[in-house]
Amino acid sequence: MTYIFKKSIGALLLILVSLLMSCSEKNKNDIVLQDPLINGDFADPSIVEHNGKYYIYATIDPWGAEELGVLESDDFVHWEQKHINWPTKELCTSETSNSSNVWAPSVIEGKDGKFYMYVSVGSEVWAGVSEHPLGPWKNAKSDNSPLIKGNMFPEYHMIDAEVFIDDDKQVYLYWGSGLDWVNGHCFVVPLKDDMISFDEAEIKDITPPNYFEAPFMVKKGGTYFLMYSDGKCTTETYKVRYAKANNPFGPFSEGENSPVLTTSKDRSTLGPGHHSIFTEGGQDYILYHRITNNSDQLYRELAIDSLNFSKGEIEVVKPLKTMMHLNEN
């Protein structure tokens, strides 16, 4: 009886804490930390906000699909899956493509108010443009070719592109991974005002320590924080790291608290990574995926947690799911 009573009290306290956290977050900035954020098999998330609605773009598991997973919400609680016309495997195939599906979207609002997408299809990067987050989308290049061809640097994997717009409005494209789960490399190039043109001579290899894939740039107080994933995305070794520099090209030195998001001891958060960062109401959030079934067919789900900076470093993330599990015990 004592055990049952304690478990009941613990469950009640957990519900009360969760409600208080949700109400606090809702009053603060309309972001509610749910676990998982969305029911479904998604990975590699990117997020934009437009006219009071949120749009998440993600890989559909296992291992991608013919199209992207696109989800819309006006309250960050209830999400509806949408379908967009581009990208698809059929529309994004070139003579340098391989058989890989549609993966790892990155969507951003450009300086011109249009929306730009950088997405991996066939293990090369394609760029799309649209007036609205739900489209209609089209290839941003008039010749319908990939932005980064799969054979640009054949010894590395030309995937996981992410765009960063600096305070001076200069746009930078980051991308790159490794082959056979080793030797990940990160590249960067300044983009011109059309968000797609660049000079290949300006491409730089800026690979930070312990990098494998999924770069994401954040700037705080004049410091450039290059965040990225390390390990193998099919296992508990997958994690989020960060490195710092005083400019977008580096050189980068790994942060004191890196890695900041890893598999938890109780494995309730398993293999977290390939994230994006967004800000609402003055609070930063990390949106990422974690493994739900690491069999031969990889399945992942989306999760969200607060991200905080302190004393020039990124604080270690405390996943909501892990905290909930601790409260249950």
C-alpha atoms as a PDB file:
ATOM      1  CA  MET A   1       0.000   0.000   0.000  1.00  0.00           C
ATOM      2  CA  THR A   2       2.823   2.380   0.865  1.00  0.00           C
ATOM      3  CA  TYR A   3       4.465   1.761  -2.522  1.00  0.00           C
ATOM      4  CA  ILE A   4       1.185   2.322  -4.388  1.00  0.00           C
ATOM      5  CA  PHE A   5       0.524   5.488  -2.365  1.00  0.00           C
ATOM      6  CA  LYS A   6       3.983   6.864  -3.150  1.00  0.00           C
ATOM      7  CA  LYS A   7       3.592   6.073  -6.840  1.00  0.00           C
ATOM      8  CA  SER A   8       0.180   7.790  -6.877  1.00  0.00           C
ATOM      9  CA  ILE A   9       1.543  10.886  -5.161  1.00  0.00           C
ATOM     10  CA  GLY A  10       4.519  10.889  -7.532  1.00  0.00           C
ATOM     11  CA  ALA A  11       2.247  10.667 -10.557  1.00  0.00           C
ATOM     12  CA  LEU A  12       0.045  13.486  -9.213  1.00  0.00           C
ATOM     13  CA  LEU A  13       3.053  15.689  -8.575  1.00  0.00           C
ATOM     14  CA  LEU A  14       4.327  14.989 -12.085  1.00  0.00           C
ATOM     15  CA  ILE A  15       0.978  16.030 -13.565  1.00  0.00           C
ATOM     16  CA  LEU A  16       0.934  19.225 -11.480  1.00  0.00           C
ATOM     17  CA  VAL A  17       4.518  20.087 -12.432  1.00  0.00           C
ATOM     18  CA  SER A  18       3.796  19.446 -16.081  1.00  0.00           C
ATOM     19  CA  LEU A  19       0.693  21.634 -15.955  1.00  0.00           C
ATOM     20  CA  LEU A  20       2.568  24.441 -14.219  1.00  0.00           C
ATOM     21  CA  MET A  21       5.402  24.213 -16.747  1.00  0.00           C
ATOM     22  CA  SER A  22       2.945  24.228 -19.637  1.00  0.00           C
ATOM     23  CA  CYS A  23       0.992  27.179 -18.276  1.00  0.00           C
ATOM     24  CA  SER A  24       4.191  29.083 -17.567  1.00  0.00           C
ATOM     25  CA  GLU A  25       5.543  28.444 -21.056  1.00  0.00           C
ATOM     26  CA  LYS A  26       2.167  29.260 -22.632  1.00  0.00           C
ATOM     27  CA  ASN A  27       1.884  32.565 -20.822  1.00  0.00           C
ATOM     28  CA  LYS A  28       5.464  33.412 -21.573  1.00  0.00           C
ATOM     29  CA  ASN A  29       5.703  32.836 -25.299  1.00  0.00           C
ATOM     30  CA  ASP A  30       3.030  30.405 -26.510  1.00  0.00           C
ATOM     31  CA  ILE A  31       5.537  27.530 -26.693  1.00  0.00           C
ATOM     32  CA  VAL A  32       4.407  24.410 -24.845  1.00  0.00           C
ATOM     33  CA  LEU A  33       6.988  21.731 -24.162  1.00  0.00           C
ATOM     34  CA  GLN A  34       5.256  18.473 -25.069  1.00  0.00           C
ATOM     35  CA  ASP A  35       6.785  15.022 -25.044  1.00  0.00           C
ATOM     36  CA  PRO A  36       6.978  13.946 -27.784  1.00  0.00           C
ATOM     37  CA  LEU A  37       6.317  17.183 -29.620  1.00  0.00           C
ATOM     38  CA  ILE A  38       4.403  15.420 -32.399  1.00  0.00           C
ATOM     39  CA  ASN A  39       3.151  11.855 -32.734  1.00  0.00           C
ATOM     40  CA  GLY A  40       4.743  10.314 -35.798  1.00  0.00           C
ATOM     41  CA  ASP A  41       7.969   9.032 -37.291  1.00  0.00           C
ATOM     42  CA  PHE A  42       9.954  12.149 -38.194  1.00  0.00           C
ATOM     43  CA  ALA A  43      13.571  13.317 -38.011  1.00  0.00           C
ATOM     44  CA  ASP A  44      15.945  16.161 -38.944  1.00  0.00           C
ATOM     45  CA  PRO A  45      13.466  18.979 -38.160  1.00  0.00           C
ATOM     46  CA  SER A  46      13.465  22.588 -39.364  1.00  0.00           C
ATOM     47  CA  ILE A  47      10.954  25.217 -38.225  1.00  0.00           C
ATOM     48  CA  VAL A  48       9.623  28.593 -39.376  1.00  0.00           C
ATOM     49  CA  GLU A  49       6.873  30.889 -38.099  1.00  0.00           C
ATOM     50  CA  HIS A  50       4.625  32.866 -40.440  1.00  0.00           C
ATOM     51  CA  ASN A  51       1.497  34.915 -39.709  1.00  0.00           C
ATOM     52  CA  GLY A  52       0.938  33.314 -36.320  1.00  0.00           C
ATOM     53  CA  LYS A  53       1.417  29.734 -37.510  1.00  0.00           C
ATOM     54  CA  TYR A  54       4.344  27.355 -37.074  1.00  0.00           C
ATOM     55  CA  TYR A  55       5.596  25.041 -39.789  1.00  0.00           C
ATOM     56  CA  ILE A  56       7.894  22.089 -39.171  1.00  0.00           C
ATOM     57  CA  TYR A  57       9.626  20.318 -42.053  1.00  0.00           C
ATOM     58  CA  ALA A  58      11.179  16.915 -41.400  1.00  0.00           C
ATOM     59  CA  THR A  59      12.430  13.639 -42.799  1.00  0.00           C
ATOM     60  CA  ILE A  60       9.793  10.902 -42.855  1.00  0.00           C
ATOM     61  CA  ASP A  61      11.132   7.689 -41.324  1.00  0.00           C
ATOM     62  CA  PRO A  62      12.366   5.112 -41.986  1.00  0.00           C
ATOM     63  CA  TRP A  63      15.216   6.669 -43.963  1.00  0.00           C
ATOM     64  CA  GLY A  64      13.230   9.312 -45.785  1.00  0.00           C
ATOM     65  CA  ALA A  65      10.432   9.104 -48.321  1.00  0.00           C
ATOM     66  CA  GLU A  66       9.345  10.391 -51.730  1.00  0.00           C
ATOM     67  CA  GLU A  67       8.371  13.681 -50.049  1.00  0.00           C
ATOM     68  CA  LEU A  68       8.929  15.637 -46.843  1.00  0.00           C
ATOM     69  CA  GLY A  69       6.934  15.532 -43.655  1.00  0.00           C
ATOM     70  CA  VAL A  70       5.345  18.977 -43.206  1.00  0.00           C
ATOM     71  CA  LEU A  71       3.354  19.906 -40.103  1.00  0.00           C
ATOM     72  CA  GLU A  72       1.360  23.048 -39.299  1.00  0.00           C
ATOM     73  CA  SER A  73       0.124  24.421 -35.963  1.00  0.00           C
ATOM     74  CA  ASP A  74      -1.329  27.687 -34.686  1.00  0.00           C
ATOM     75  CA  ASP A  75      -0.894  26.826 -30.997  1.00  0.00           C
ATOM     76  CA  PHE A  76       2.243  24.613 -30.897  1.00  0.00           C
ATOM     77  CA  VAL A  77       0.098  21.850 -29.393  1.00  0.00           C
ATOM     78  CA  HIS A  78      -2.085  20.504 -32.175  1.00  0.00           C
ATOM     79  CA  TRP A  79      -0.285  19.668 -35.396  1.00  0.00           C
ATOM     80  CA  GLU A  80      -1.744  18.816 -38.802  1.00  0.00           C
ATOM     81  CA  GLN A  81       0.295  17.060 -41.469  1.00  0.00           C
ATOM     82  CA  LYS A  82       0.361  18.810 -44.833  1.00  0.00           C
ATOM     83  CA  HIS A  83       1.684  17.889 -48.257  1.00  0.00           C
ATOM     84  CA  ILE A  84       3.723  20.217 -50.456  1.00  0.00           C
ATOM     85  CA  ASN A  85       4.421  19.865 -54.170  1.00  0.00           C
ATOM     86  CA  TRP A  86       8.226  20.134 -53.937  1.00  0.00           C
ATOM     87  CA  PRO A  87      10.678  18.541 -53.180  1.00  0.00           C
ATOM     88  CA  THR A  88       9.962  15.029 -54.346  1.00  0.00           C
ATOM     89  CA  LYS A  89      12.306  12.263 -55.340  1.00  0.00           C
ATOM     90  CA  GLU A  90      10.989  12.471 -58.892  1.00  0.00           C
ATOM     91  CA  LEU A  91      11.499  16.230 -59.246  1.00  0.00           C
ATOM     92  CA  CYS A  92      14.886  16.273 -57.527  1.00  0.00           C
ATOM     93  CA  THR A  93      16.927  13.718 -59.411  1.00  0.00           C
ATOM     94  CA  SER A  94      19.960  14.424 -61.548  1.00  0.00           C
ATOM     95  CA  GLU A  95      22.703  12.463 -63.227  1.00  0.00           C
ATOM     96  CA  THR A  96      24.787  12.865 -60.058  1.00  0.00           C
ATOM     97  CA  SER A  97      22.023  11.712 -57.671  1.00  0.00           C
ATOM     98  CA  ASN A  98      22.042   8.381 -55.896  1.00  0.00           C
ATOM     99  CA  SER A  99      19.074   6.341 -54.663  1.00  0.00           C
ATOM    100  CA  SER A 100      18.680   8.161 -51.309  1.00  0.00           C
ATOM    101  CA  ASN A 101      15.246   9.605 -50.548  1.00  0.00           C
ATOM    102  CA  VAL A 102      14.181  13.104 -49.459  1.00  0.00           C
ATOM    103  CA  TRP A 103      16.037  14.021 -46.252  1.00  0.00           C
ATOM    104  CA  ALA A 104      17.012  16.785 -43.870  1.00  0.00           C
ATOM    105  CA  PRO A 105      15.167  19.968 -44.887  1.00  0.00           C
ATOM    106  CA  SER A 106      16.224  23.437 -43.783  1.00  0.00           C
ATOM    107  CA  VAL A 107      13.748  26.273 -44.342  1.00  0.00           C
ATOM    108  CA  ILE A 108      14.352  29.964 -43.708  1.00  0.00           C
ATOM    109  CA  GLU A 109      12.690  33.268 -44.556  1.00  0.00           C
ATOM    110  CA  GLY A 110      15.001  35.186 -46.863  1.00  0.00           C
ATOM    111  CA  LYS A 111      15.849  38.865 -46.946  1.00  0.00           C
ATOM    112  CA  ASP A 112      13.215  39.331 -49.663  1.00  0.00           C
ATOM    113  CA  GLY A 113      10.399  37.852 -47.558  1.00  0.00           C
ATOM    114  CA  LYS A 114      10.282  34.650 -49.597  1.00  0.00           C
ATOM    115  CA  PHE A 115      10.918  31.234 -48.091  1.00  0.00           C
ATOM    116  CA  TYR A 116      13.944  29.186 -49.100  1.00  0.00           C
ATOM    117  CA  MET A 117      14.495  25.488 -48.573  1.00  0.00           C
ATOM    118  CA  TYR A 118      17.775  23.562 -48.675  1.00  0.00           C
ATOM    119  CA  VAL A 119      17.125  19.833 -48.732  1.00  0.00           C
ATOM    120  CA  SER A 120      19.030  16.604 -49.333  1.00  0.00           C
ATOM    121  CA  VAL A 121      17.680  14.386 -52.113  1.00  0.00           C
ATOM    122  CA  GLY A 122      19.766  11.647 -53.680  1.00  0.00           C
ATOM    123  CA  SER A 123      22.680  12.672 -51.431  1.00  0.00           C
ATOM    124  CA  GLU A 124      22.995  16.127 -52.932  1.00  0.00           C
ATOM    125  CA  VAL A 125      21.598  19.509 -51.910  1.00  0.00           C
ATOM    126  CA  TRP A 126      18.632  21.056 -53.714  1.00  0.00           C
ATOM    127  CA  ALA A 127      17.306  24.587 -53.168  1.00  0.00           C
ATOM    128  CA  GLY A 128      13.648  25.604 -53.396  1.00  0.00           C
ATOM    129  CA  VAL A 129      11.753  28.885 -53.123  1.00  0.00           C
ATOM    130  CA  SER A 130       8.161  29.796 -52.269  1.00  0.00           C
ATOM    131  CA  GLU A 131       6.023  32.789 -51.336  1.00  0.00           C
ATOM    132  CA  HIS A 132       4.426  30.789 -48.500  1.00  0.00           C
ATOM    133  CA  PRO A 133       5.629  28.006 -46.182  1.00  0.00           C
ATOM    134  CA  LEU A 134       3.150  25.578 -47.757  1.00  0.00           C
ATOM    135  CA  GLY A 135       4.006  26.540 -51.308  1.00  0.00           C
ATOM    136  CA  PRO A 136       3.650  26.173 -54.121  1.00  0.00           C
ATOM    137  CA  TRP A 137       7.372  25.453 -54.071  1.00  0.00           C
ATOM    138  CA  LYS A 138       9.730  25.258 -57.018  1.00  0.00           C
ATOM    139  CA  ASN A 139      13.418  24.712 -57.650  1.00  0.00           C
ATOM    140  CA  ALA A 140      15.163  28.031 -56.972  1.00  0.00           C
ATOM    141  CA  LYS A 141      17.508  27.367 -59.874  1.00  0.00           C
ATOM    142  CA  SER A 142      16.091  28.068 -63.329  1.00  0.00           C
ATOM    143  CA  ASP A 143      17.732  24.974 -64.816  1.00  0.00           C
ATOM    144  CA  ASN A 144      16.209  22.673 -62.130  1.00  0.00           C
ATOM    145  CA  SER A 145      19.630  21.346 -61.164  1.00  0.00           C
ATOM    146  CA  PRO A 146      20.956  20.618 -57.649  1.00  0.00           C
ATOM    147  CA  LEU A 147      22.598  23.437 -55.710  1.00  0.00           C
ATOM    148  CA  ILE A 148      25.391  21.191 -54.410  1.00  0.00           C
ATOM    149  CA  LYS A 149      26.040  18.207 -56.658  1.00  0.00           C
ATOM    150  CA  GLY A 150      26.733  14.863 -55.046  1.00  0.00           C
ATOM    151  CA  ASN A 151      30.175  14.681 -56.645  1.00  0.00           C
ATOM    152  CA  MET A 152      31.367  18.164 -55.637  1.00  0.00           C
ATOM    153  CA  PHE A 153      33.683  16.572 -53.049  1.00  0.00           C
ATOM    154  CA  PRO A 154      33.361  12.830 -53.786  1.00  0.00           C
ATOM    155  CA  GLU A 155      35.194  11.738 -50.653  1.00  0.00           C
ATOM    156  CA  TYR A 156      32.514  13.329 -48.431  1.00  0.00           C
ATOM    157  CA  HIS A 157      28.721  13.250 -48.204  1.00  0.00           C
ATOM    158  CA  MET A 158      27.052  16.327 -49.744  1.00  0.00           C
ATOM    159  CA  ILE A 159      24.018  16.508 -47.411  1.00  0.00           C
ATOM    160  CA  ASP A 160      22.584  18.401 -44.411  1.00  0.00           C
ATOM    161  CA  ALA A 161      22.653  21.962 -45.752  1.00  0.00           C
ATOM    162  CA  GLU A 162      21.776  24.814 -43.391  1.00  0.00           C
ATOM    163  CA  VAL A 163      21.625  28.556 -44.076  1.00  0.00           C
ATOM    164  CA  PHE A 164      22.642  31.274 -41.624  1.00  0.00           C
ATOM    165  CA  ILE A 165      21.921  34.997 -42.118  1.00  0.00           C
ATOM    166  CA  ASP A 166      24.336  37.197 -40.174  1.00  0.00           C
ATOM    167  CA  ASP A 167      23.561  40.567 -38.589  1.00  0.00           C
ATOM    168  CA  ASP A 168      24.922  42.351 -41.657  1.00  0.00           C
ATOM    169  CA  LYS A 169      22.483  40.286 -43.808  1.00  0.00           C
ATOM    170  CA  GLN A 170      25.260  38.241 -45.400  1.00  0.00           C
ATOM    171  CA  VAL A 171      24.015  34.707 -46.042  1.00  0.00           C
ATOM    172  CA  TYR A 172      26.148  31.596 -45.454  1.00  0.00           C
ATOM    173  CA  LEU A 173      25.486  28.014 -46.509  1.00  0.00           C
ATOM    174  CA  TYR A 174      26.866  25.231 -44.285  1.00  0.00           C
ATOM    175  CA  TRP A 175      26.729  21.550 -45.225  1.00  0.00           C
ATOM    176  CA  GLY A 176      28.568  18.238 -45.235  1.00  0.00           C
ATOM    177  CA  SER A 177      28.890  14.808 -43.648  1.00  0.00           C
ATOM    178  CA  GLY A 178      31.051  11.709 -44.016  1.00  0.00           C
ATOM    179  CA  LEU A 179      30.759   8.415 -45.839  1.00  0.00           C
ATOM    180  CA  ASP A 180      30.262   5.077 -44.083  1.00  0.00           C
ATOM    181  CA  TRP A 181      29.754   6.868 -40.743  1.00  0.00           C
ATOM    182  CA  VAL A 182      33.297   8.270 -40.627  1.00  0.00           C
ATOM    183  CA  ASN A 183      35.285  11.310 -41.687  1.00  0.00           C
ATOM    184  CA  GLY A 184      32.563  13.943 -41.522  1.00  0.00           C
ATOM    185  CA  HIS A 185      33.513  17.329 -42.995  1.00  0.00           C
ATOM    186  CA  CYS A 186      31.779  20.689 -42.778  1.00  0.00           C
ATOM    187  CA  PHE A 187      31.884  23.233 -45.606  1.00  0.00           C
ATOM    188  CA  VAL A 188      30.728  26.845 -45.805  1.00  0.00           C
ATOM    189  CA  VAL A 189      30.316  29.365 -48.615  1.00  0.00           C
ATOM    190  CA  PRO A 190      28.829  32.890 -48.713  1.00  0.00           C
ATOM    191  CA  LEU A 191      25.661  33.086 -50.797  1.00  0.00           C
ATOM    192  CA  LYS A 192      24.735  36.034 -52.963  1.00  0.00           C
ATOM    193  CA  ASP A 193      21.528  38.021 -52.555  1.00  0.00           C
ATOM    194  CA  ASP A 194      19.498  35.516 -54.579  1.00  0.00           C
ATOM    195  CA  MET A 195      20.121  32.951 -51.780  1.00  0.00           C
ATOM    196  CA  ILE A 196      21.518  30.357 -54.214  1.00  0.00           C
ATOM    197  CA  SER A 197      24.474  31.780 -56.190  1.00  0.00           C
ATOM    198  CA  PHE A 198      28.040  31.409 -54.912  1.00  0.00           C
ATOM    199  CA  ASP A 199      31.626  31.371 -56.038  1.00  0.00           C
ATOM    200  CA  GLU A 200      33.045  27.851 -55.724  1.00  0.00           C
ATOM    201  CA  ALA A 201      36.492  29.361 -55.078  1.00  0.00           C
ATOM    202  CA  GLU A 202      35.106  30.754 -51.792  1.00  0.00           C
ATOM    203  CA  ILE A 203      34.095  27.353 -50.382  1.00  0.00           C
ATOM    204  CA  LYS A 204      35.993  26.620 -47.176  1.00  0.00           C
ATOM    205  CA  ASP A 205      36.386  23.437 -45.170  1.00  0.00           C
ATOM    206  CA  ILE A 206      35.819  24.606 -41.584  1.00  0.00           C
ATOM    207  CA  THR A 207      35.358  21.189 -39.919  1.00  0.00           C
ATOM    208  CA  PRO A 208      35.340  21.640 -36.108  1.00  0.00           C
ATOM    209  CA  PRO A 209      36.479  18.996 -33.588  1.00  0.00           C
ATOM    210  CA  ASN A 210      34.373  15.818 -33.394  1.00  0.00           C
ATOM    211  CA  TYR A 211      32.146  16.832 -36.296  1.00  0.00           C
ATOM    212  CA  PHE A 212      30.140  14.344 -38.324  1.00  0.00           C
ATOM    213  CA  GLU A 213      27.053  16.087 -39.793  1.00  0.00           C
ATOM    214  CA  ALA A 214      24.037  18.399 -39.387  1.00  0.00           C
ATOM    215  CA  PRO A 215      25.613  21.853 -38.869  1.00  0.00           C
ATOM    216  CA  PHE A 216      23.539  24.677 -37.374  1.00  0.00           C
ATOM    217  CA  MET A 217      24.924  28.168 -36.745  1.00  0.00           C
ATOM    218  CA  VAL A 218      23.808  30.371 -33.834  1.00  0.00           C
ATOM    219  CA  LYS A 219      25.221  33.800 -33.013  1.00  0.00           C
ATOM    220  CA  LYS A 220      25.142  35.199 -29.489  1.00  0.00           C
ATOM    221  CA  GLY A 221      26.893  38.358 -28.316  1.00  0.00           C
ATOM    222  CA  GLY A 222      29.364  38.400 -31.168  1.00  0.00           C
ATOM    223  CA  THR A 223      30.284  34.720 -30.771  1.00  0.00           C
ATOM    224  CA  TYR A 224      29.493  32.227 -33.518  1.00  0.00           C
ATOM    225  CA  PHE A 225      28.321  28.893 -32.111  1.00  0.00           C
ATOM    226  CA  LEU A 226      28.513  26.138 -34.718  1.00  0.00           C
ATOM    227  CA  MET A 227      26.387  23.270 -33.454  1.00  0.00           C
ATOM    228  CA  TYR A 228      26.450  19.822 -35.069  1.00  0.00           C
ATOM    229  CA  SER A 229      25.891  16.110 -34.575  1.00  0.00           C
ATOM    230  CA  ASP A 230      28.453  13.443 -33.827  1.00  0.00           C
ATOM    231  CA  GLY A 231      28.225   9.651 -33.680  1.00  0.00           C
ATOM    232  CA  LYS A 232      25.991   7.290 -35.638  1.00  0.00           C
ATOM    233  CA  CYS A 233      22.343   8.305 -36.005  1.00  0.00           C
ATOM    234  CA  THR A 234      21.146   4.695 -35.665  1.00  0.00           C
ATOM    235  CA  THR A 235      22.617   4.240 -32.174  1.00  0.00           C
ATOM    236  CA  GLU A 236      22.888   5.810 -28.731  1.00  0.00           C
ATOM    237  CA  THR A 237      26.217   7.366 -29.809  1.00  0.00           C
ATOM    238  CA  TYR A 238      24.419  10.164 -31.676  1.00  0.00           C
ATOM    239  CA  LYS A 239      24.674  13.506 -29.877  1.00  0.00           C
ATOM    240  CA  VAL A 240      24.805  17.307 -30.283  1.00  0.00           C
ATOM    241  CA  ARG A 241      28.088  19.189 -29.919  1.00  0.00           C
ATOM    242  CA  TYR A 242      29.148  22.791 -30.430  1.00  0.00           C
ATOM    243  CA  ALA A 243      32.262  24.800 -31.238  1.00  0.00           C
ATOM    244  CA  LYS A 244      32.955  28.549 -31.095  1.00  0.00           C
ATOM    245  CA  ALA A 245      34.652  31.203 -33.220  1.00  0.00           C
ATOM    246  CA  ASN A 246      34.664  34.969 -33.666  1.00  0.00           C
ATOM    247  CA  ASN A 247      33.573  34.790 -37.318  1.00  0.00           C
ATOM    248  CA  PRO A 248      31.480  32.483 -39.559  1.00  0.00           C
ATOM    249  CA  PHE A 249      34.553  30.732 -40.999  1.00  0.00           C
ATOM    250  CA  GLY A 250      36.367  29.861 -37.782  1.00  0.00           C
ATOM    251  CA  PRO A 251      38.757  28.430 -36.817  1.00  0.00           C
ATOM    252  CA  PHE A 252      36.433  26.750 -34.338  1.00  0.00           C
ATOM    253  CA  SER A 253      37.342  25.422 -30.908  1.00  0.00           C
ATOM    254  CA  GLU A 254      35.011  22.996 -29.171  1.00  0.00           C
ATOM    255  CA  GLY A 255      32.957  24.476 -26.338  1.00  0.00           C
ATOM    256  CA  GLU A 256      33.584  23.676 -22.675  1.00  0.00           C
ATOM    257  CA  ASN A 257      30.165  22.023 -22.251  1.00  0.00           C
ATOM    258  CA  SER A 258      30.214  20.058 -25.514  1.00  0.00           C
ATOM    259  CA  PRO A 259      28.418  17.722 -26.045  1.00  0.00           C
ATOM    260  CA  VAL A 260      25.256  19.417 -24.797  1.00  0.00           C
ATOM    261  CA  LEU A 261      22.683  16.772 -25.708  1.00  0.00           C
ATOM    262  CA  THR A 262      23.341  13.044 -25.396  1.00  0.00           C
ATOM    263  CA  THR A 263      21.634   9.739 -24.677  1.00  0.00           C
ATOM    264  CA  SER A 264      20.360   9.863 -21.100  1.00  0.00           C
ATOM    265  CA  LYS A 265      21.453   7.330 -18.499  1.00  0.00           C
ATOM    266  CA  ASP A 266      17.964   5.833 -18.397  1.00  0.00           C
ATOM    267  CA  ARG A 267      17.899   5.789 -22.225  1.00  0.00           C
ATOM    268  CA  SER A 268      14.544   7.575 -22.261  1.00  0.00           C
ATOM    269  CA  THR A 269      16.276  10.036 -24.597  1.00  0.00           C
ATOM    270  CA  LEU A 270      18.093   7.826 -27.093  1.00  0.00           C
ATOM    271  CA  GLY A 271      20.439   9.057 -29.803  1.00  0.00           C
ATOM    272  CA  PRO A 272      19.308  12.709 -29.892  1.00  0.00           C
ATOM    273  CA  GLY A 273      20.577  14.907 -32.711  1.00  0.00           C
ATOM    274  CA  HIS A 274      20.208  16.684 -36.058  1.00  0.00           C
ATOM    275  CA  HIS A 275      18.572  19.705 -34.534  1.00  0.00           C
ATOM    276  CA  SER A 276      17.500  23.252 -35.264  1.00  0.00           C
ATOM    277  CA  ILE A 277      17.309  26.271 -32.962  1.00  0.00           C
ATOM    278  CA  PHE A 278      14.566  28.892 -32.814  1.00  0.00           C
ATOM    279  CA  THR A 279      13.646  31.729 -30.460  1.00  0.00           C
ATOM    280  CA  GLU A 280      10.260  32.788 -29.106  1.00  0.00           C
ATOM    281  CA  GLY A 281       9.582  35.340 -26.386  1.00  0.00           C
ATOM    282  CA  GLY A 282      13.291  35.769 -25.702  1.00  0.00           C
ATOM    283  CA  GLN A 283      13.773  32.049 -25.004  1.00  0.00           C
ATOM    284  CA  ASP A 284      15.814  29.750 -27.241  1.00  0.00           C
ATOM    285  CA  TYR A 285      14.606  26.236 -27.999  1.00  0.00           C
ATOM    286  CA  ILE A 286      16.281  23.178 -29.486  1.00  0.00           C
ATOM    287  CA  LEU A 287      14.137  21.059 -31.798  1.00  0.00           C
ATOM    288  CA  TYR A 288      15.645  17.639 -32.525  1.00  0.00           C
ATOM    289  CA  HIS A 289      14.905  13.977 -33.093  1.00  0.00           C
ATOM    290  CA  ARG A 290      15.577  10.906 -30.969  1.00  0.00           C
ATOM    291  CA  ILE A 291      15.401   7.190 -31.687  1.00  0.00           C
ATOM    292  CA  THR A 292      12.241   5.250 -30.851  1.00  0.00           C
ATOM    293  CA  ASN A 293      13.194   1.971 -32.543  1.00  0.00           C
ATOM    294  CA  ASN A 294      16.802   1.291 -33.515  1.00  0.00           C
ATOM    295  CA  SER A 295      16.166  -1.886 -35.463  1.00  0.00           C
ATOM    296  CA  ASP A 296      17.225  -2.249 -39.085  1.00  0.00           C
ATOM    297  CA  GLN A 297      14.386   0.123 -39.966  1.00  0.00           C
ATOM    298  CA  LEU A 298      15.258   3.375 -38.190  1.00  0.00           C
ATOM    299  CA  TYR A 299      12.361   5.217 -36.560  1.00  0.00           C
ATOM    300  CA  ARG A 300      12.665   8.545 -34.772  1.00  0.00           C
ATOM    301  CA  GLU A 301      10.388  11.150 -33.210  1.00  0.00           C
ATOM    302  CA  LEU A 302      10.601  14.902 -32.643  1.00  0.00           C
ATOM    303  CA  ALA A 303      11.408  16.446 -29.266  1.00  0.00           C
ATOM    304  CA  ILE A 304      11.848  19.996 -27.993  1.00  0.00           C
ATOM    305  CA  ASP A 305      13.645  21.462 -24.989  1.00  0.00           C
ATOM    306  CA  SER A 306      14.829  24.841 -23.766  1.00  0.00           C
ATOM    307  CA  LEU A 307      18.317  25.899 -24.835  1.00  0.00           C
ATOM    308  CA  ASN A 308      20.259  28.302 -22.647  1.00  0.00           C
ATOM    309  CA  PHE A 309      23.517  30.220 -22.887  1.00  0.00           C
ATOM    310  CA  SER A 310      25.646  31.155 -19.881  1.00  0.00           C
ATOM    311  CA  LYS A 311      29.125  32.648 -19.460  1.00  0.00           C
ATOM    312  CA  GLY A 312      29.891  32.363 -23.151  1.00  0.00           C
ATOM    313  CA  GLU A 313      28.920  28.695 -23.381  1.00  0.00           C
ATOM    314  CA  ILE A 314      25.858  26.624 -24.218  1.00  0.00           C
ATOM    315  CA  GLU A 315      24.408  24.931 -21.170  1.00  0.00           C
ATOM    316  CA  VAL A 316      23.893  21.164 -21.178  1.00  0.00           C
ATOM    317  CA  VAL A 317      20.318  20.394 -22.232  1.00  0.00           C
ATOM    318  CA  LYS A 318      18.107  18.611 -19.707  1.00  0.00           C
ATOM    319  CA  PRO A 319      15.529  16.723 -21.811  1.00  0.00           C
ATOM    320  CA  LEU A 320      11.945  16.951 -20.604  1.00  0.00           C
ATOM    321  CA  LYS A 321      11.459  13.227 -21.222  1.00  0.00           C
ATOM    322  CA  THR A 322      14.381  12.345 -18.968  1.00  0.00           C
ATOM    323  CA  MET A 323      13.119  14.644 -16.201  1.00  0.00           C
ATOM    324  CA  MET A 324       9.666  13.060 -16.429  1.00  0.00           C
ATOM    325  CA  HIS A 325      11.180   9.584 -16.101  1.00  0.00           C
ATOM    326  CA  LEU A 326      13.160  10.672 -13.064  1.00  0.00           C
ATOM    327  CA  ASN A 327       9.993  12.016 -11.412  1.00  0.00           C
ATOM    328  CA  GLU A 328       8.209   8.740 -12.036  1.00  0.00           C
ATOM    329  CA  ASN A 329      10.834   6.737 -10.109  1.00  0.00           C
END
